[in-house]
């Protein structure tokens, strides 16, 4: 879905590219951290008793789950759960 006006998008990219690489990296990290906080809040809203392992598993599934087969996911979960 793309709902951004092309002129607005062009202006945004121009503004972003005026920032240093370090500033852009900081923005990226900040956006990722915010997304992660939202996912954690969603997981806890669905399952308030979720422990850290369940939260890690939920984060993985929401961000990367679609990229792995069920078999690969099971292997990854073993590492997540320690």
PDB file of N, CA and C in Angstrom:
ATOM      1  N   UNK A   1       0.844  -1.172   0.000  1.00  0.00           N
ATOM      2  CA  UNK A   1       0.000   0.000   0.000  1.00  0.00           C
ATOM      3  C   UNK A   1       0.887   1.232   0.000  1.00  0.00           C
ATOM      4  N   UNK A   2       0.553   2.164  -0.833  1.00  0.00           N
ATOM      5  CA  UNK A   2       1.312   3.413  -0.892  1.00  0.00           C
ATOM      6  C   UNK A   2       0.309   4.563  -0.866  1.00  0.00           C
ATOM      7  N   UNK A   3       0.267   5.267   0.253  1.00  0.00           N
ATOM      8  CA  UNK A   3      -0.698   6.353   0.387  1.00  0.00           C
ATOM      9  C   UNK A   3      -0.034   7.722   0.533  1.00  0.00           C
ATOM     10  N   UNK A   4       1.249   7.788   0.234  1.00  0.00           N
ATOM     11  CA  UNK A   4       1.984   9.034   0.363  1.00  0.00           C
ATOM     12  C   UNK A   4       2.047   9.745  -0.981  1.00  0.00           C
ATOM     13  N   UNK A   5       1.704  11.010  -0.955  1.00  0.00           N
ATOM     14  CA  UNK A   5       1.801  11.841  -2.150  1.00  0.00           C
ATOM     15  C   UNK A   5       3.238  11.815  -2.656  1.00  0.00           C
ATOM     16  N   UNK A   6       3.433  11.682  -3.967  1.00  0.00           N
ATOM     17  CA  UNK A   6       4.785  11.558  -4.522  1.00  0.00           C
ATOM     18  C   UNK A   6       5.641  12.794  -4.241  1.00  0.00           C
ATOM     19  N   UNK A   7       5.042  13.981  -4.219  1.00  0.00           N
ATOM     20  CA  UNK A   7       5.812  15.196  -3.910  1.00  0.00           C
ATOM     21  C   UNK A   7       6.282  15.184  -2.456  1.00  0.00           C
ATOM     22  N   UNK A   8       5.428  14.725  -1.575  1.00  0.00           N
ATOM     23  CA  UNK A   8       5.781  14.638  -0.152  1.00  0.00           C
ATOM     24  C   UNK A   8       6.890  13.607   0.033  1.00  0.00           C
ATOM     25  N   UNK A   9       6.758  12.479  -0.638  1.00  0.00           N
ATOM     26  CA  UNK A   9       7.773  11.440  -0.533  1.00  0.00           C
ATOM     27  C   UNK A   9       9.126  11.937  -1.052  1.00  0.00           C
ATOM     28  N   UNK A  10       9.124  12.639  -2.179  1.00  0.00           N
ATOM     29  CA  UNK A  10      10.361  13.190  -2.741  1.00  0.00           C
ATOM     30  C   UNK A  10      10.992  14.162  -1.763  1.00  0.00           C
ATOM     31  N   UNK A  11      10.186  15.028  -1.182  1.00  0.00           N
ATOM     32  CA  UNK A  11      10.696  16.015  -0.206  1.00  0.00           C
ATOM     33  C   UNK A  11      11.279  15.307   1.015  1.00  0.00           C
ATOM     34  N   UNK A  12      10.590  14.269   1.483  1.00  0.00           N
ATOM     35  CA  UNK A  12      11.069  13.519   2.642  1.00  0.00           C
ATOM     36  C   UNK A  12      12.433  12.889   2.349  1.00  0.00           C
ATOM     37  N   UNK A  13      12.571  12.261   1.201  1.00  0.00           N
ATOM     38  CA  UNK A  13      13.839  11.631   0.827  1.00  0.00           C
ATOM     39  C   UNK A  13      14.941  12.675   0.739  1.00  0.00           C
ATOM     40  N   UNK A  14      14.636  13.825   0.162  1.00  0.00           N
ATOM     41  CA  UNK A  14      15.629  14.909   0.080  1.00  0.00           C
ATOM     42  C   UNK A  14      16.089  15.327   1.473  1.00  0.00           C
ATOM     43  N   UNK A  15      15.131  15.503   2.385  1.00  0.00           N
ATOM     44  CA  UNK A  15      15.471  15.900   3.761  1.00  0.00           C
ATOM     45  C   UNK A  15      16.309  14.823   4.444  1.00  0.00           C
ATOM     46  N   UNK A  16      15.929  13.580   4.230  1.00  0.00           N
ATOM     47  CA  UNK A  16      16.645  12.470   4.848  1.00  0.00           C
ATOM     48  C   UNK A  16      18.082  12.393   4.337  1.00  0.00           C
ATOM     49  N   UNK A  17      18.249  12.588   3.052  1.00  0.00           N
ATOM     50  CA  UNK A  17      19.582  12.470   2.461  1.00  0.00           C
ATOM     51  C   UNK A  17      20.504  13.627   2.856  1.00  0.00           C
ATOM     52  N   UNK A  18      19.946  14.718   3.362  1.00  0.00           N
ATOM     53  CA  UNK A  18      20.770  15.831   3.850  1.00  0.00           C
ATOM     54  C   UNK A  18      21.403  15.498   5.201  1.00  0.00           C
ATOM     55  N   UNK A  19      20.867  14.503   5.866  1.00  0.00           N
ATOM     56  CA  UNK A  19      21.413  14.091   7.164  1.00  0.00           C
ATOM     57  C   UNK A  19      22.675  13.262   6.941  1.00  0.00           C
ATOM     58  N   UNK A  20      23.531  13.271   7.945  1.00  0.00           N
ATOM     59  CA  UNK A  20      24.751  12.468   7.848  1.00  0.00           C
ATOM     60  C   UNK A  20      24.391  10.987   7.954  1.00  0.00           C
ATOM     61  N   UNK A  21      25.321  10.138   7.563  1.00  0.00           N
ATOM     62  CA  UNK A  21      25.105   8.701   7.680  1.00  0.00           C
ATOM     63  C   UNK A  21      24.816   8.298   9.110  1.00  0.00           C
ATOM     64  N   UNK A  22      25.517   8.923  10.043  1.00  0.00           N
ATOM     65  CA  UNK A  22      25.321   8.610  11.462  1.00  0.00           C
ATOM     66  C   UNK A  22      23.904   9.000  11.907  1.00  0.00           C
ATOM     67  N   UNK A  23      23.421  10.157  11.460  1.00  0.00           N
ATOM     68  CA  UNK A  23      22.068  10.582  11.830  1.00  0.00           C
ATOM     69  C   UNK A  23      21.022   9.640  11.236  1.00  0.00           C
ATOM     70  N   UNK A  24      21.219   9.223   9.992  1.00  0.00           N
ATOM     71  CA  UNK A  24      20.275   8.298   9.361  1.00  0.00           C
ATOM     72  C   UNK A  24      20.286   6.945  10.074  1.00  0.00           C
ATOM     73  N   UNK A  25      21.460   6.514  10.474  1.00  0.00           N
ATOM     74  CA  UNK A  25      21.551   5.246  11.198  1.00  0.00           C
ATOM     75  C   UNK A  25      20.824   5.348  12.533  1.00  0.00           C
ATOM     76  N   UNK A  26      21.020   6.468  13.240  1.00  0.00           N
ATOM     77  CA  UNK A  26      20.328   6.667  14.513  1.00  0.00           C
ATOM     78  C   UNK A  26      18.810   6.651  14.324  1.00  0.00           C
ATOM     79  N   UNK A  27      18.343   7.291  13.257  1.00  0.00           N
ATOM     80  CA  UNK A  27      16.912   7.289  12.966  1.00  0.00           C
ATOM     81  C   UNK A  27      16.409   5.868  12.723  1.00  0.00           C
ATOM     82  N   UNK A  28      17.177   5.099  11.960  1.00  0.00           N
ATOM     83  CA  UNK A  28      16.796   3.711  11.693  1.00  0.00           C
ATOM     84  C   UNK A  28      16.718   2.888  12.969  1.00  0.00           C
ATOM     85  N   UNK A  29      17.719   3.032  13.832  1.00  0.00           N
ATOM     86  CA  UNK A  29      17.706   2.298  15.103  1.00  0.00           C
ATOM     87  C   UNK A  29      16.512   2.720  15.955  1.00  0.00           C
ATOM     88  N   UNK A  30      16.241   4.004  15.977  1.00  0.00           N
ATOM     89  CA  UNK A  30      15.125   4.518  16.760  1.00  0.00           C
ATOM     90  C   UNK A  30      13.794   3.959  16.258  1.00  0.00           C
ATOM     91  N   UNK A  31      13.630   3.913  14.941  1.00  0.00           N
ATOM     92  CA  UNK A  31      12.394   3.366  14.367  1.00  0.00           C
ATOM     93  C   UNK A  31      12.259   1.881  14.675  1.00  0.00           C
ATOM     94  N   UNK A  32      13.363   1.141  14.589  1.00  0.00           N
ATOM     95  CA  UNK A  32      13.322  -0.290  14.891  1.00  0.00           C
ATOM     96  C   UNK A  32      12.965  -0.507  16.362  1.00  0.00           C
ATOM     97  N   UNK A  33      13.566   0.280  17.265  1.00  0.00           N
ATOM     98  CA  UNK A  33      13.281   0.134  18.695  1.00  0.00           C
ATOM     99  C   UNK A  33      11.813   0.432  18.991  1.00  0.00           C
ATOM    100  N   UNK A  34      11.263   1.451  18.315  1.00  0.00           N
ATOM    101  CA  UNK A  34       9.853   1.785  18.514  1.00  0.00           C
ATOM    102  C   UNK A  34       8.964   0.640  18.022  1.00  0.00           C
ATOM    103  N   UNK A  35       9.285   0.086  16.871  1.00  0.00           N
ATOM    104  CA  UNK A  35       8.508  -1.044  16.348  1.00  0.00           C
ATOM    105  C   UNK A  35       8.588  -2.227  17.306  1.00  0.00           C
ATOM    106  N   UNK A  36       9.773  -2.470  17.850  1.00  0.00           N
ATOM    107  CA  UNK A  36       9.950  -3.578  18.784  1.00  0.00           C
ATOM    108  C   UNK A  36       9.118  -3.350  20.051  1.00  0.00           C
ATOM    109  N   UNK A  37       9.099  -2.119  20.556  1.00  0.00           N
ATOM    110  CA  UNK A  37       8.284  -1.817  21.743  1.00  0.00           C
ATOM    111  C   UNK A  37       6.797  -2.045  21.459  1.00  0.00           C
ATOM    112  N   UNK A  38       6.358  -1.685  20.254  1.00  0.00           N
ATOM    113  CA  UNK A  38       4.960  -1.891  19.898  1.00  0.00           C
ATOM    114  C   UNK A  38       4.627  -3.379  19.816  1.00  0.00           C
ATOM    115  N   UNK A  39       5.529  -4.169  19.265  1.00  0.00           N
ATOM    116  CA  UNK A  39       5.309  -5.618  19.169  1.00  0.00           C
ATOM    117  C   UNK A  39       5.255  -6.225  20.567  1.00  0.00           C
ATOM    118  N   UNK A  40       6.165  -5.829  21.438  1.00  0.00           N
ATOM    119  CA  UNK A  40       6.173  -6.349  22.816  1.00  0.00           C
ATOM    120  C   UNK A  40       4.867  -5.993  23.518  1.00  0.00           C
ATOM    121  N   UNK A  41       4.407  -4.755  23.366  1.00  0.00           N
ATOM    122  CA  UNK A  41       3.152  -4.339  23.987  1.00  0.00           C
ATOM    123  C   UNK A  41       1.984  -5.169  23.451  1.00  0.00           C
ATOM    124  N   UNK A  42       1.995  -5.455  22.165  1.00  0.00           N
ATOM    125  CA  UNK A  42       0.939  -6.269  21.561  1.00  0.00           C
ATOM    126  C   UNK A  42       0.968  -7.693  22.098  1.00  0.00           C
ATOM    127  N   UNK A  43       2.162  -8.255  22.206  1.00  0.00           N
ATOM    128  CA  UNK A  43       2.302  -9.616  22.741  1.00  0.00           C
ATOM    129  C   UNK A  43       1.777  -9.666  24.173  1.00  0.00           C
ATOM    130  N   UNK A  44       2.167  -8.681  24.983  1.00  0.00           N
ATOM    131  CA  UNK A  44       1.725  -8.648  26.383  1.00  0.00           C
ATOM    132  C   UNK A  44       0.222  -8.395  26.493  1.00  0.00           C
ATOM    133  N   UNK A  45      -0.340  -7.633  25.574  1.00  0.00           N
ATOM    134  CA  UNK A  45      -1.787  -7.398  25.592  1.00  0.00           C
ATOM    135  C   UNK A  45      -2.540  -8.690  25.301  1.00  0.00           C
ATOM    136  N   UNK A  46      -2.003  -9.487  24.375  1.00  0.00           N
ATOM    137  CA  UNK A  46      -2.632 -10.771  24.040  1.00  0.00           C
ATOM    138  C   UNK A  46      -2.395 -11.822  25.113  1.00  0.00           C
ATOM    139  N   UNK A  47      -1.223 -11.750  25.743  1.00  0.00           N
ATOM    140  CA  UNK A  47      -0.860 -12.771  26.737  1.00  0.00           C
ATOM    141  C   UNK A  47      -0.071 -12.090  27.875  1.00  0.00           C
ATOM    142  N   UNK A  48      -0.786 -11.512  28.845  1.00  0.00           N
ATOM    143  CA  UNK A  48      -0.130 -10.743  29.910  1.00  0.00           C
ATOM    144  C   UNK A  48       0.915 -11.533  30.708  1.00  0.00           C
ATOM    145  N   UNK A  49       0.751 -12.865  30.766  1.00  0.00           N
ATOM    146  CA  UNK A  49       1.679 -13.684  31.547  1.00  0.00           C
ATOM    147  C   UNK A  49       2.895 -14.135  30.740  1.00  0.00           C
ATOM    148  N   UNK A  50       3.037 -13.639  29.506  1.00  0.00           N
ATOM    149  CA  UNK A  50       4.154 -14.058  28.640  1.00  0.00           C
ATOM    150  C   UNK A  50       5.497 -13.785  29.319  1.00  0.00           C
ATOM    151  N   UNK A  51       6.361 -14.802  29.294  1.00  0.00           N
ATOM    152  CA  UNK A  51       7.700 -14.621  29.851  1.00  0.00           C
ATOM    153  C   UNK A  51       8.641 -14.164  28.730  1.00  0.00           C
ATOM    154  N   UNK A  52       9.891 -13.924  29.088  1.00  0.00           N
ATOM    155  CA  UNK A  52      10.860 -13.385  28.139  1.00  0.00           C
ATOM    156  C   UNK A  52      11.044 -14.295  26.930  1.00  0.00           C
ATOM    157  N   UNK A  53      10.978 -15.596  27.120  1.00  0.00           N
ATOM    158  CA  UNK A  53      11.132 -16.535  26.001  1.00  0.00           C
ATOM    159  C   UNK A  53       9.974 -16.397  25.014  1.00  0.00           C
ATOM    160  N   UNK A  54       8.763 -16.299  25.558  1.00  0.00           N
ATOM    161  CA  UNK A  54       7.597 -16.143  24.690  1.00  0.00           C
ATOM    162  C   UNK A  54       7.631 -14.803  23.952  1.00  0.00           C
ATOM    163  N   UNK A  55       8.107 -13.787  24.631  1.00  0.00           N
ATOM    164  CA  UNK A  55       8.219 -12.466  24.004  1.00  0.00           C
ATOM    165  C   UNK A  55       9.256 -12.508  22.889  1.00  0.00           C
ATOM    166  N   UNK A  56      10.400 -13.128  23.133  1.00  0.00           N
ATOM    167  CA  UNK A  56      11.430 -13.253  22.092  1.00  0.00           C
ATOM    168  C   UNK A  56      10.897 -14.020  20.885  1.00  0.00           C
ATOM    169  N   UNK A  57      10.179 -15.094  21.150  1.00  0.00           N
ATOM    170  CA  UNK A  57       9.601 -15.896  20.076  1.00  0.00           C
ATOM    171  C   UNK A  57       8.591 -15.059  19.283  1.00  0.00           C
ATOM    172  N   UNK A  58       7.768 -14.312  19.989  1.00  0.00           N
ATOM    173  CA  UNK A  58       6.780 -13.461  19.332  1.00  0.00           C
ATOM    174  C   UNK A  58       7.417 -12.379  18.483  1.00  0.00           C
ATOM    175  N   UNK A  59       8.478 -11.773  18.996  1.00  0.00           N
ATOM    176  CA  UNK A  59       9.204 -10.748  18.233  1.00  0.00           C
ATOM    177  C   UNK A  59       9.763 -11.367  16.958  1.00  0.00           C
ATOM    178  N   UNK A  60      10.402 -12.516  17.103  1.00  0.00           N
ATOM    179  CA  UNK A  60      10.966 -13.193  15.930  1.00  0.00           C
ATOM    180  C   UNK A  60       9.888 -13.469  14.888  1.00  0.00           C
ATOM    181  N   UNK A  61       8.770 -14.035  15.325  1.00  0.00           N
ATOM    182  CA  UNK A  61       7.709 -14.394  14.385  1.00  0.00           C
ATOM    183  C   UNK A  61       7.157 -13.172  13.658  1.00  0.00           C
ATOM    184  N   UNK A  62       6.983 -12.081  14.378  1.00  0.00           N
ATOM    185  CA  UNK A  62       6.403 -10.889  13.753  1.00  0.00           C
ATOM    186  C   UNK A  62       7.361 -10.216  12.782  1.00  0.00           C
ATOM    187  N   UNK A  63       8.639 -10.214  13.116  1.00  0.00           N
ATOM    188  CA  UNK A  63       9.603  -9.538  12.248  1.00  0.00           C
ATOM    189  C   UNK A  63      10.126 -10.444  11.133  1.00  0.00           C
ATOM    190  N   UNK A  64      10.374 -11.718  11.452  1.00  0.00           N
ATOM    191  CA  UNK A  64      11.093 -12.578  10.515  1.00  0.00           C
ATOM    192  C   UNK A  64      10.417 -13.915  10.212  1.00  0.00           C
ATOM    193  N   UNK A  65       9.344 -14.240  10.884  1.00  0.00           N
ATOM    194  CA  UNK A  65       8.731 -15.553  10.757  1.00  0.00           C
ATOM    195  C   UNK A  65       8.377 -15.941   9.337  1.00  0.00           C
ATOM    196  N   UNK A  66       7.944 -15.002   8.550  1.00  0.00           N
ATOM    197  CA  UNK A  66       7.542 -15.292   7.167  1.00  0.00           C
ATOM    198  C   UNK A  66       8.721 -15.687   6.277  1.00  0.00           C
ATOM    199  N   UNK A  67       9.934 -15.466   6.746  1.00  0.00           N
ATOM    200  CA  UNK A  67      11.124 -15.755   5.944  1.00  0.00           C
ATOM    201  C   UNK A  67      11.661 -17.172   6.161  1.00  0.00           C
ATOM    202  N   UNK A  68      11.075 -17.901   7.111  1.00  0.00           N
ATOM    203  CA  UNK A  68      11.595 -19.226   7.469  1.00  0.00           C
ATOM    204  C   UNK A  68      10.498 -20.276   7.426  1.00  0.00           C
ATOM    205  N   UNK A  69      10.889 -21.470   7.055  1.00  0.00           N
ATOM    206  CA  UNK A  69       9.949 -22.597   7.058  1.00  0.00           C
ATOM    207  C   UNK A  69       9.666 -22.983   8.516  1.00  0.00           C
ATOM    208  N   UNK A  70       8.577 -23.723   8.744  1.00  0.00           N
ATOM    209  CA  UNK A  70       8.291 -24.180  10.117  1.00  0.00           C
ATOM    210  C   UNK A  70       9.463 -24.962  10.732  1.00  0.00           C
ATOM    211  N   UNK A  71      10.133 -25.770   9.931  1.00  0.00           N
ATOM    212  CA  UNK A  71      11.279 -26.533  10.442  1.00  0.00           C
ATOM    213  C   UNK A  71      12.416 -25.604  10.873  1.00  0.00           C
ATOM    214  N   UNK A  72      12.697 -24.618  10.043  1.00  0.00           N
ATOM    215  CA  UNK A  72      13.756 -23.655  10.392  1.00  0.00           C
ATOM    216  C   UNK A  72      13.361 -22.850  11.628  1.00  0.00           C
ATOM    217  N   UNK A  73      12.085 -22.501  11.723  1.00  0.00           N
ATOM    218  CA  UNK A  73      11.613 -21.770  12.896  1.00  0.00           C
ATOM    219  C   UNK A  73      11.834 -22.568  14.173  1.00  0.00           C
ATOM    220  N   UNK A  74      11.534 -23.872  14.129  1.00  0.00           N
ATOM    221  CA  UNK A  74      11.738 -24.717  15.320  1.00  0.00           C
ATOM    222  C   UNK A  74      13.204 -24.701  15.756  1.00  0.00           C
ATOM    223  N   UNK A  75      14.123 -24.756  14.798  1.00  0.00           N
ATOM    224  CA  UNK A  75      15.557 -24.710  15.121  1.00  0.00           C
ATOM    225  C   UNK A  75      15.916 -23.366  15.777  1.00  0.00           C
ATOM    226  N   UNK A  76      15.368 -22.304  15.233  1.00  0.00           N
ATOM    227  CA  UNK A  76      15.646 -20.971  15.780  1.00  0.00           C
ATOM    228  C   UNK A  76      15.068 -20.840  17.178  1.00  0.00           C
ATOM    229  N   UNK A  77      13.852 -21.377  17.402  1.00  0.00           N
ATOM    230  CA  UNK A  77      13.235 -21.305  18.717  1.00  0.00           C
ATOM    231  C   UNK A  77      14.072 -21.999  19.780  1.00  0.00           C
ATOM    232  N   UNK A  78      14.743 -23.079  19.403  1.00  0.00           N
ATOM    233  CA  UNK A  78      15.622 -23.770  20.352  1.00  0.00           C
ATOM    234  C   UNK A  78      16.705 -22.826  20.858  1.00  0.00           C
ATOM    235  N   UNK A  79      17.239 -22.012  19.963  1.00  0.00           N
ATOM    236  CA  UNK A  79      18.294 -21.058  20.348  1.00  0.00           C
ATOM    237  C   UNK A  79      17.716 -19.885  21.135  1.00  0.00           C
ATOM    238  N   UNK A  80      16.536 -19.434  20.748  1.00  0.00           N
ATOM    239  CA  UNK A  80      15.896 -18.322  21.452  1.00  0.00           C
ATOM    240  C   UNK A  80      15.589 -18.724  22.889  1.00  0.00           C
ATOM    241  N   UNK A  81      15.142 -19.960  23.068  1.00  0.00           N
ATOM    242  CA  UNK A  81      14.740 -20.414  24.385  1.00  0.00           C
ATOM    243  C   UNK A  81      15.900 -20.896  25.239  1.00  0.00           C
ATOM    244  N   UNK A  82      17.083 -20.875  24.669  1.00  0.00           N
ATOM    245  CA  UNK A  82      18.278 -21.202  25.424  1.00  0.00           C
ATOM    246  C   UNK A  82      18.357 -22.613  25.772  1.00  0.00           C
TER     247      UNK A  82
END
